[in-house]
All heavy atoms as atom14 arrays in JSON, in Angstrom:
{
  "sequence": "YLRPVFSDQNKIFLTEADLVHTIGESAALGASGAVLWG",
  "atom14_mask": [
    [1, 1, 1, 1, 1, 1, 1, 1, 1, 1, 1, 1, 0, 0],
    [1, 1, 1, 1, 1, 1, 1, 1, 0, 0, 0, 0, 0, 0],
    [1, 1, 1, 1, 1, 1, 1, 1, 1, 1, 1, 0, 0, 0],
    [1, 1, 1, 1, 1, 1, 1, 0, 0, 0, 0, 0, 0, 0],
    [1, 1, 1, 1, 1, 1, 1, 0, 0, 0, 0, 0, 0, 0],
    [1, 1, 1, 1, 1, 1, 1, 1, 1, 1, 1, 0, 0, 0],
    [1, 1, 1, 1, 1, 1, 0, 0, 0, 0, 0, 0, 0, 0],
    [1, 1, 1, 1, 1, 1, 1, 1, 0, 0, 0, 0, 0, 0],
    [1, 1, 1, 1, 1, 1, 1, 1, 1, 0, 0, 0, 0, 0],
    [1, 1, 1, 1, 1, 1, 1, 1, 0, 0, 0, 0, 0, 0],
    [1, 1, 1, 1, 1, 1, 1, 1, 1, 0, 0, 0, 0, 0],
    [1, 1, 1, 1, 1, 1, 1, 1, 0, 0, 0, 0, 0, 0],
    [1, 1, 1, 1, 1, 1, 1, 1, 1, 1, 1, 0, 0, 0],
    [1, 1, 1, 1, 1, 1, 1, 1, 0, 0, 0, 0, 0, 0],
    [1, 1, 1, 1, 1, 1, 1, 0, 0, 0, 0, 0, 0, 0],
    [1, 1, 1, 1, 1, 1, 1, 1, 1, 0, 0, 0, 0, 0],
    [1, 1, 1, 1, 1, 0, 0, 0, 0, 0, 0, 0, 0, 0],
    [1, 1, 1, 1, 1, 1, 1, 1, 0, 0, 0, 0, 0, 0],
    [1, 1, 1, 1, 1, 1, 1, 1, 0, 0, 0, 0, 0, 0],
    [1, 1, 1, 1, 1, 1, 1, 0, 0, 0, 0, 0, 0, 0],
    [1, 1, 1, 1, 1, 1, 1, 1, 1, 1, 0, 0, 0, 0],
    [1, 1, 1, 1, 1, 1, 1, 0, 0, 0, 0, 0, 0, 0],
    [1, 1, 1, 1, 1, 1, 1, 1, 0, 0, 0, 0, 0, 0],
    [1, 1, 1, 1, 0, 0, 0, 0, 0, 0, 0, 0, 0, 0],
    [1, 1, 1, 1, 1, 1, 1, 1, 1, 0, 0, 0, 0, 0],
    [1, 1, 1, 1, 1, 1, 0, 0, 0, 0, 0, 0, 0, 0],
    [1, 1, 1, 1, 1, 0, 0, 0, 0, 0, 0, 0, 0, 0],
    [1, 1, 1, 1, 1, 0, 0, 0, 0, 0, 0, 0, 0, 0],
    [1, 1, 1, 1, 1, 1, 1, 1, 0, 0, 0, 0, 0, 0],
    [1, 1, 1, 1, 0, 0, 0, 0, 0, 0, 0, 0, 0, 0],
    [1, 1, 1, 1, 1, 0, 0, 0, 0, 0, 0, 0, 0, 0],
    [1, 1, 1, 1, 1, 1, 0, 0, 0, 0, 0, 0, 0, 0],
    [1, 1, 1, 1, 0, 0, 0, 0, 0, 0, 0, 0, 0, 0],
    [1, 1, 1, 1, 1, 0, 0, 0, 0, 0, 0, 0, 0, 0],
    [1, 1, 1, 1, 1, 1, 1, 0, 0, 0, 0, 0, 0, 0],
    [1, 1, 1, 1, 1, 1, 1, 1, 0, 0, 0, 0, 0, 0],
    [1, 1, 1, 1, 1, 1, 1, 1, 1, 1, 1, 1, 1, 1],
    [1, 1, 1, 1, 0, 0, 0, 0, 0, 0, 0, 0, 0, 0]
  ],
  "atom14_positions": [
    [[-13.36, -0.5, 1.1], [-13.52, 0.19, 2.38], [-12.19, 0.22, 3.12], [-11.57, -0.81, 3.36], [-14.59, -0.5, 3.23], [-15.92, 0.21, 3.17], [-16.74, 0.06, 2.06], [-16.34, 1.04, 4.2], [-17.96, 0.73, 1.98], [-17.56, 1.71, 4.13], [-18.37, 1.55, 3.02], [-19.56, 2.22, 2.95], [0.0, 0.0, 0.0], [0.0, 0.0, 0.0]],
    [[-11.75, 1.44, 3.48], [-10.5, 1.65, 4.2], [-10.77, 2.61, 5.36], [-11.86, 3.16, 5.49], [-9.45, 2.26, 3.26], [-9.13, 1.46, 1.99], [-8.3, 2.3, 1.02], [-8.4, 0.17, 2.34], [0.0, 0.0, 0.0], [0.0, 0.0, 0.0], [0.0, 0.0, 0.0], [0.0, 0.0, 0.0], [0.0, 0.0, 0.0], [0.0, 0.0, 0.0]],
    [[-9.77, 2.79, 6.22], [-9.89, 3.75, 7.31], [-8.66, 4.66, 7.32], [-7.55, 4.19, 7.06], [-10.01, 3.04, 8.66], [-11.3, 2.27, 8.83], [-11.46, 1.73, 10.24], [-11.72, 2.8, 11.21], [-12.04, 2.58, 12.48], [-12.12, 1.34, 12.94], [-12.26, 3.59, 13.3], [0.0, 0.0, 0.0], [0.0, 0.0, 0.0], [0.0, 0.0, 0.0]],
    [[-8.82, 5.94, 7.64], [-7.66, 6.83, 7.74], [-6.9, 6.64, 9.05], [-5.82, 7.2, 9.22], [-8.28, 8.23, 7.66], [-9.67, 8.05, 8.16], [-10.09, 6.66, 7.78], [0.0, 0.0, 0.0], [0.0, 0.0, 0.0], [0.0, 0.0, 0.0], [0.0, 0.0, 0.0], [0.0, 0.0, 0.0], [0.0, 0.0, 0.0], [0.0, 0.0, 0.0]],
    [[-7.49, 5.87, 9.97], [-6.82, 5.53, 11.23], [-6.74, 4.01, 11.32], [-7.36, 3.29, 10.53], [-7.6, 6.08, 12.45], [-7.6, 7.59, 12.45], [-9.03, 5.54, 12.49], [0.0, 0.0, 0.0], [0.0, 0.0, 0.0], [0.0, 0.0, 0.0], [0.0, 0.0, 0.0], [0.0, 0.0, 0.0], [0.0, 0.0, 0.0], [0.0, 0.0, 0.0]],
    [[-5.98, 3.51, 12.28], [-5.87, 2.06, 12.45], [-7.09, 1.53, 13.21], [-7.61, 2.2, 14.11], [-4.57, 1.71, 13.17], [-3.36, 2.04, 12.36], [-2.66, 3.23, 12.57], [-2.91, 1.18, 11.37], [-1.56, 3.55, 11.8], [-1.81, 1.49, 10.6], [-1.13, 2.68, 10.81], [0.0, 0.0, 0.0], [0.0, 0.0, 0.0], [0.0, 0.0, 0.0]],
    [[-7.53, 0.35, 12.84], [-8.77, -0.18, 13.39], [-8.68, -0.44, 14.89], [-9.7, -0.41, 15.58], [-9.16, -1.47, 12.66], [-8.15, -2.45, 12.79], [0.0, 0.0, 0.0], [0.0, 0.0, 0.0], [0.0, 0.0, 0.0], [0.0, 0.0, 0.0], [0.0, 0.0, 0.0], [0.0, 0.0, 0.0], [0.0, 0.0, 0.0], [0.0, 0.0, 0.0]],
    [[-7.47, -0.68, 15.39], [-7.31, -0.94, 16.82], [-6.62, 0.21, 17.56], [-6.35, 0.11, 18.75], [-6.53, -2.25, 17.04], [-5.2, -2.27, 16.32], [-4.98, -1.43, 15.43], [-4.37, -3.14, 16.64], [0.0, 0.0, 0.0], [0.0, 0.0, 0.0], [0.0, 0.0, 0.0], [0.0, 0.0, 0.0], [0.0, 0.0, 0.0], [0.0, 0.0, 0.0]],
    [[-6.32, 1.3, 16.85], [-5.72, 2.5, 17.45], [-6.27, 3.7, 16.7], [-5.63, 4.25, 15.81], [-4.19, 2.46, 17.37], [-3.53, 1.39, 18.2], [-3.53, 1.74, 19.69], [-3.84, 2.87, 20.07], [-3.18, 0.77, 20.53], [0.0, 0.0, 0.0], [0.0, 0.0, 0.0], [0.0, 0.0, 0.0], [0.0, 0.0, 0.0], [0.0, 0.0, 0.0]],
    [[-7.49, 4.11, 17.07], [-8.19, 5.1, 16.24], [-7.71, 6.54, 16.45], [-8.27, 7.46, 15.86], [-9.71, 5.01, 16.47], [-10.12, 5.51, 17.85], [-9.29, 5.63, 18.74], [-11.41, 5.77, 18.01], [0.0, 0.0, 0.0], [0.0, 0.0, 0.0], [0.0, 0.0, 0.0], [0.0, 0.0, 0.0], [0.0, 0.0, 0.0], [0.0, 0.0, 0.0]],
    [[-6.67, 6.73, 17.24], [-6.08, 8.06, 17.37], [-4.76, 8.17, 16.59], [-4.11, 9.22, 16.62], [-5.85, 8.41, 18.83], [-7.11, 8.37, 19.69], [-8.26, 9.18, 19.09], [-9.53, 9.06, 19.92], [-10.71, 9.67, 19.23], [0.0, 0.0, 0.0], [0.0, 0.0, 0.0], [0.0, 0.0, 0.0], [0.0, 0.0, 0.0], [0.0, 0.0, 0.0]],
    [[-4.38, 7.1, 15.92], [-3.16, 7.1, 15.11], [-3.54, 7.09, 13.64], [-4.2, 6.16, 13.16], [-2.27, 5.88, 15.43], [-1.89, 5.86, 16.92], [-1.01, 5.9, 14.57], [-1.07, 4.65, 17.31], [0.0, 0.0, 0.0], [0.0, 0.0, 0.0], [0.0, 0.0, 0.0], [0.0, 0.0, 0.0], [0.0, 0.0, 0.0], [0.0, 0.0, 0.0]],
    [[-3.14, 8.13, 12.92], [-3.46, 8.24, 11.5], [-2.47, 7.44, 10.65], [-1.3, 7.27, 11.03], [-3.44, 9.7, 11.06], [-4.59, 10.51, 11.58], [-4.42, 11.38, 12.65], [-5.84, 10.41, 11.01], [-5.47, 12.12, 13.14], [-6.91, 11.15, 11.49], [-6.73, 12.01, 12.55], [0.0, 0.0, 0.0], [0.0, 0.0, 0.0], [0.0, 0.0, 0.0]],
    [[-2.93, 7.02, 9.5], [-2.06, 6.35, 8.54], [-1.03, 7.34, 8.01], [-1.36, 8.5, 7.73], [-2.87, 5.79, 7.38], [-3.44, 4.38, 7.51], [-4.39, 4.25, 8.7], [-4.14, 3.95, 6.23], [0.0, 0.0, 0.0], [0.0, 0.0, 0.0], [0.0, 0.0, 0.0], [0.0, 0.0, 0.0], [0.0, 0.0, 0.0], [0.0, 0.0, 0.0]],
    [[0.2, 6.88, 7.89], [1.24, 7.7, 7.28], [1.1, 7.63, 5.76], [0.29, 6.86, 5.23], [2.64, 7.2, 7.68], [2.82, 5.88, 7.12], [2.79, 7.14, 9.19], [0.0, 0.0, 0.0], [0.0, 0.0, 0.0], [0.0, 0.0, 0.0], [0.0, 0.0, 0.0], [0.0, 0.0, 0.0], [0.0, 0.0, 0.0], [0.0, 0.0, 0.0]],
    [[1.92, 8.39, 5.05], [1.86, 8.32, 3.59], [2.21, 6.93, 3.11], [1.61, 6.43, 2.14], [2.8, 9.35, 2.96], [2.7, 9.35, 1.43], [3.48, 10.47, 0.78], [3.37, 11.62, 1.25], [4.19, 10.17, -0.2], [0.0, 0.0, 0.0], [0.0, 0.0, 0.0], [0.0, 0.0, 0.0], [0.0, 0.0, 0.0], [0.0, 0.0, 0.0]],
    [[3.16, 6.26, 3.76], [3.5, 4.88, 3.37], [2.28, 3.96, 3.54], [2.03, 3.09, 2.7], [4.67, 4.37, 4.21], [0.0, 0.0, 0.0], [0.0, 0.0, 0.0], [0.0, 0.0, 0.0], [0.0, 0.0, 0.0], [0.0, 0.0, 0.0], [0.0, 0.0, 0.0], [0.0, 0.0, 0.0], [0.0, 0.0, 0.0], [0.0, 0.0, 0.0]],
    [[1.52, 4.17, 4.61], [0.32, 3.37, 4.82], [-0.75, 3.68, 3.77], [-1.48, 2.79, 3.33], [-0.26, 3.63, 6.21], [0.7, 3.27, 7.33], [1.34, 2.21, 7.23], [0.81, 4.05, 8.29], [0.0, 0.0, 0.0], [0.0, 0.0, 0.0], [0.0, 0.0, 0.0], [0.0, 0.0, 0.0], [0.0, 0.0, 0.0], [0.0, 0.0, 0.0]],
    [[-0.84, 4.94, 3.37], [-1.79, 5.33, 2.33], [-1.43, 4.68, 0.99], [-2.31, 4.28, 0.23], [-1.84, 6.85, 2.19], [-2.37, 7.62, 3.41], [-2.25, 9.12, 3.18], [-3.8, 7.23, 3.73], [0.0, 0.0, 0.0], [0.0, 0.0, 0.0], [0.0, 0.0, 0.0], [0.0, 0.0, 0.0], [0.0, 0.0, 0.0], [0.0, 0.0, 0.0]],
    [[-0.14, 4.57, 0.72], [0.31, 3.86, -0.48], [-0.14, 2.41, -0.42], [-0.62, 1.84, -1.41], [1.84, 3.95, -0.63], [2.33, 3.03, -1.74], [2.28, 5.38, -0.89], [0.0, 0.0, 0.0], [0.0, 0.0, 0.0], [0.0, 0.0, 0.0], [0.0, 0.0, 0.0], [0.0, 0.0, 0.0], [0.0, 0.0, 0.0], [0.0, 0.0, 0.0]],
    [[0.0, 1.8, 0.76], [-0.35, 0.38, 0.92], [-1.85, 0.12, 0.86], [-2.26, -1.03, 0.68], [0.2, -0.13, 2.25], [1.68, -0.16, 2.32], [2.38, -0.16, 3.52], [2.63, -0.16, 1.35], [3.68, -0.18, 3.27], [3.85, -0.18, 1.96], [0.0, 0.0, 0.0], [0.0, 0.0, 0.0], [0.0, 0.0, 0.0], [0.0, 0.0, 0.0]],
    [[-2.66, 1.14, 1.01], [-4.11, 0.97, 1.04], [-4.77, 1.61, -0.18], [-5.19, 0.91, -1.1], [-4.69, 1.56, 2.34], [-4.21, 2.91, 2.51], [-4.27, 0.73, 3.55], [0.0, 0.0, 0.0], [0.0, 0.0, 0.0], [0.0, 0.0, 0.0], [0.0, 0.0, 0.0], [0.0, 0.0, 0.0], [0.0, 0.0, 0.0], [0.0, 0.0, 0.0]],
    [[-4.81, 2.93, -0.2], [-5.41, 3.63, -1.35], [-4.62, 3.36, -2.62], [-5.18, 3.09, -3.68], [-5.48, 5.15, -1.07], [-6.38, 5.43, 0.13], [-5.98, 5.9, -2.3], [-6.39, 6.88, 0.57], [0.0, 0.0, 0.0], [0.0, 0.0, 0.0], [0.0, 0.0, 0.0], [0.0, 0.0, 0.0], [0.0, 0.0, 0.0], [0.0, 0.0, 0.0]],
    [[-3.28, 3.41, -2.49], [-2.43, 3.2, -3.67], [-2.6, 1.82, -4.28], [-2.68, 1.67, -5.51], [0.0, 0.0, 0.0], [0.0, 0.0, 0.0], [0.0, 0.0, 0.0], [0.0, 0.0, 0.0], [0.0, 0.0, 0.0], [0.0, 0.0, 0.0], [0.0, 0.0, 0.0], [0.0, 0.0, 0.0], [0.0, 0.0, 0.0], [0.0, 0.0, 0.0]],
    [[-2.65, 0.79, -3.44], [-2.86, -0.57, -3.94], [-4.21, -0.68, -4.64], [-4.32, -1.28, -5.71], [-2.8, -1.58, -2.78], [-1.41, -1.95, -2.34], [-0.67, -2.82, -3.35], [-1.31, -3.59, -4.07], [0.56, -2.7, -3.41], [0.0, 0.0, 0.0], [0.0, 0.0, 0.0], [0.0, 0.0, 0.0], [0.0, 0.0, 0.0], [0.0, 0.0, 0.0]],
    [[-5.24, -0.12, -4.03], [-6.58, -0.21, -4.59], [-6.65, 0.42, -5.98], [-7.22, -0.14, -6.92], [-7.59, 0.46, -3.66], [-7.55, -0.12, -2.37], [0.0, 0.0, 0.0], [0.0, 0.0, 0.0], [0.0, 0.0, 0.0], [0.0, 0.0, 0.0], [0.0, 0.0, 0.0], [0.0, 0.0, 0.0], [0.0, 0.0, 0.0], [0.0, 0.0, 0.0]],
    [[-6.04, 1.61, -6.12], [-6.07, 2.31, -7.4], [-5.29, 1.55, -8.47], [-5.75, 1.4, -9.61], [-5.5, 3.71, -7.23], [0.0, 0.0, 0.0], [0.0, 0.0, 0.0], [0.0, 0.0, 0.0], [0.0, 0.0, 0.0], [0.0, 0.0, 0.0], [0.0, 0.0, 0.0], [0.0, 0.0, 0.0], [0.0, 0.0, 0.0], [0.0, 0.0, 0.0]],
    [[-4.11, 1.05, -8.11], [-3.25, 0.39, -9.1], [-3.82, -0.93, -9.58], [-3.51, -1.37, -10.69], [-1.86, 0.17, -8.5], [0.0, 0.0, 0.0], [0.0, 0.0, 0.0], [0.0, 0.0, 0.0], [0.0, 0.0, 0.0], [0.0, 0.0, 0.0], [0.0, 0.0, 0.0], [0.0, 0.0, 0.0], [0.0, 0.0, 0.0], [0.0, 0.0, 0.0]],
    [[-4.65, -1.58, -8.77], [-5.22, -2.88, -9.14], [-6.52, -2.77, -9.91], [-7.08, -3.77, -10.32], [-5.42, -3.73, -7.89], [-4.13, -4.26, -7.25], [-4.4, -4.78, -5.85], [-3.51, -5.35, -8.12], [0.0, 0.0, 0.0], [0.0, 0.0, 0.0], [0.0, 0.0, 0.0], [0.0, 0.0, 0.0], [0.0, 0.0, 0.0], [0.0, 0.0, 0.0]],
    [[-7.02, -1.55, -10.1], [-8.19, -1.38, -10.94], [-9.5, -1.17, -10.21], [-10.57, -1.28, -10.83], [0.0, 0.0, 0.0], [0.0, 0.0, 0.0], [0.0, 0.0, 0.0], [0.0, 0.0, 0.0], [0.0, 0.0, 0.0], [0.0, 0.0, 0.0], [0.0, 0.0, 0.0], [0.0, 0.0, 0.0], [0.0, 0.0, 0.0], [0.0, 0.0, 0.0]],
    [[-9.46, -0.88, -8.91], [-10.7, -0.57, -8.19], [-11.28, 0.73, -8.73], [-10.56, 1.6, -9.22], [-10.45, -0.47, -6.7], [0.0, 0.0, 0.0], [0.0, 0.0, 0.0], [0.0, 0.0, 0.0], [0.0, 0.0, 0.0], [0.0, 0.0, 0.0], [0.0, 0.0, 0.0], [0.0, 0.0, 0.0], [0.0, 0.0, 0.0], [0.0, 0.0, 0.0]],
    [[-12.59, 0.87, -8.6], [-13.25, 2.11, -9.03], [-13.07, 3.22, -8.01], [-13.24, 4.4, -8.35], [-14.75, 1.86, -9.24], [-14.96, 0.93, -10.29], [0.0, 0.0, 0.0], [0.0, 0.0, 0.0], [0.0, 0.0, 0.0], [0.0, 0.0, 0.0], [0.0, 0.0, 0.0], [0.0, 0.0, 0.0], [0.0, 0.0, 0.0], [0.0, 0.0, 0.0]],
    [[-12.76, 2.84, -6.77], [-12.58, 3.85, -5.76], [-12.35, 3.26, -4.39], [-12.27, 2.04, -4.22], [0.0, 0.0, 0.0], [0.0, 0.0, 0.0], [0.0, 0.0, 0.0], [0.0, 0.0, 0.0], [0.0, 0.0, 0.0], [0.0, 0.0, 0.0], [0.0, 0.0, 0.0], [0.0, 0.0, 0.0], [0.0, 0.0, 0.0], [0.0, 0.0, 0.0]],
    [[-12.25, 4.15, -3.42], [-12.08, 3.76, -2.02], [-13.03, 4.58, -1.17], [-13.31, 5.75, -1.48], [-10.64, 3.98, -1.57], [0.0, 0.0, 0.0], [0.0, 0.0, 0.0], [0.0, 0.0, 0.0], [0.0, 0.0, 0.0], [0.0, 0.0, 0.0], [0.0, 0.0, 0.0], [0.0, 0.0, 0.0], [0.0, 0.0, 0.0], [0.0, 0.0, 0.0]],
    [[-13.54, 3.95, -0.12], [-14.4, 4.63, 0.85], [-13.63, 4.69, 2.17], [-13.25, 3.65, 2.71], [-15.73, 3.88, 1.05], [-16.58, 4.57, 2.12], [-16.5, 3.77, -0.26], [0.0, 0.0, 0.0], [0.0, 0.0, 0.0], [0.0, 0.0, 0.0], [0.0, 0.0, 0.0], [0.0, 0.0, 0.0], [0.0, 0.0, 0.0], [0.0, 0.0, 0.0]],
    [[-13.39, 5.9, 2.66], [-12.7, 6.06, 3.93], [-13.75, 6.18, 5.03], [-14.36, 7.24, 5.21], [-11.78, 7.28, 3.92], [-10.62, 7.24, 2.92], [-9.61, 8.34, 3.26], [-9.93, 5.9, 2.9], [0.0, 0.0, 0.0], [0.0, 0.0, 0.0], [0.0, 0.0, 0.0], [0.0, 0.0, 0.0], [0.0, 0.0, 0.0], [0.0, 0.0, 0.0]],
    [[-13.96, 5.08, 5.74], [-15.01, 5.0, 6.76], [-14.45, 5.38, 8.12], [-13.26, 5.21, 8.4], [-15.57, 3.59, 6.81], [-16.66, 3.39, 7.81], [-17.99, 3.65, 7.65], [-16.51, 2.9, 9.15], [-18.67, 3.35, 8.8], [-17.79, 2.89, 9.74], [-15.41, 2.47, 9.91], [-18.0, 2.45, 11.05], [-15.62, 2.05, 11.22], [-16.91, 2.04, 11.77]],
    [[-15.34, 5.89, 8.97], [-14.95, 6.2, 10.33], [-16.1, 5.98, 11.29], [-17.28, 6.11, 10.91], [0.0, 0.0, 0.0], [0.0, 0.0, 0.0], [0.0, 0.0, 0.0], [0.0, 0.0, 0.0], [0.0, 0.0, 0.0], [0.0, 0.0, 0.0], [0.0, 0.0, 0.0], [0.0, 0.0, 0.0], [0.0, 0.0, 0.0], [0.0, 0.0, 0.0]]
  ]
}
């Protein structure tokens, strides 16, 4: 479970670097997927 915005600043979107740190990490470590919750 991830979010496309920051949990304490919901009007600020994740940058591509942040997406690498979240979605990218999950994929590279062998997760089956990610859920972007809001």
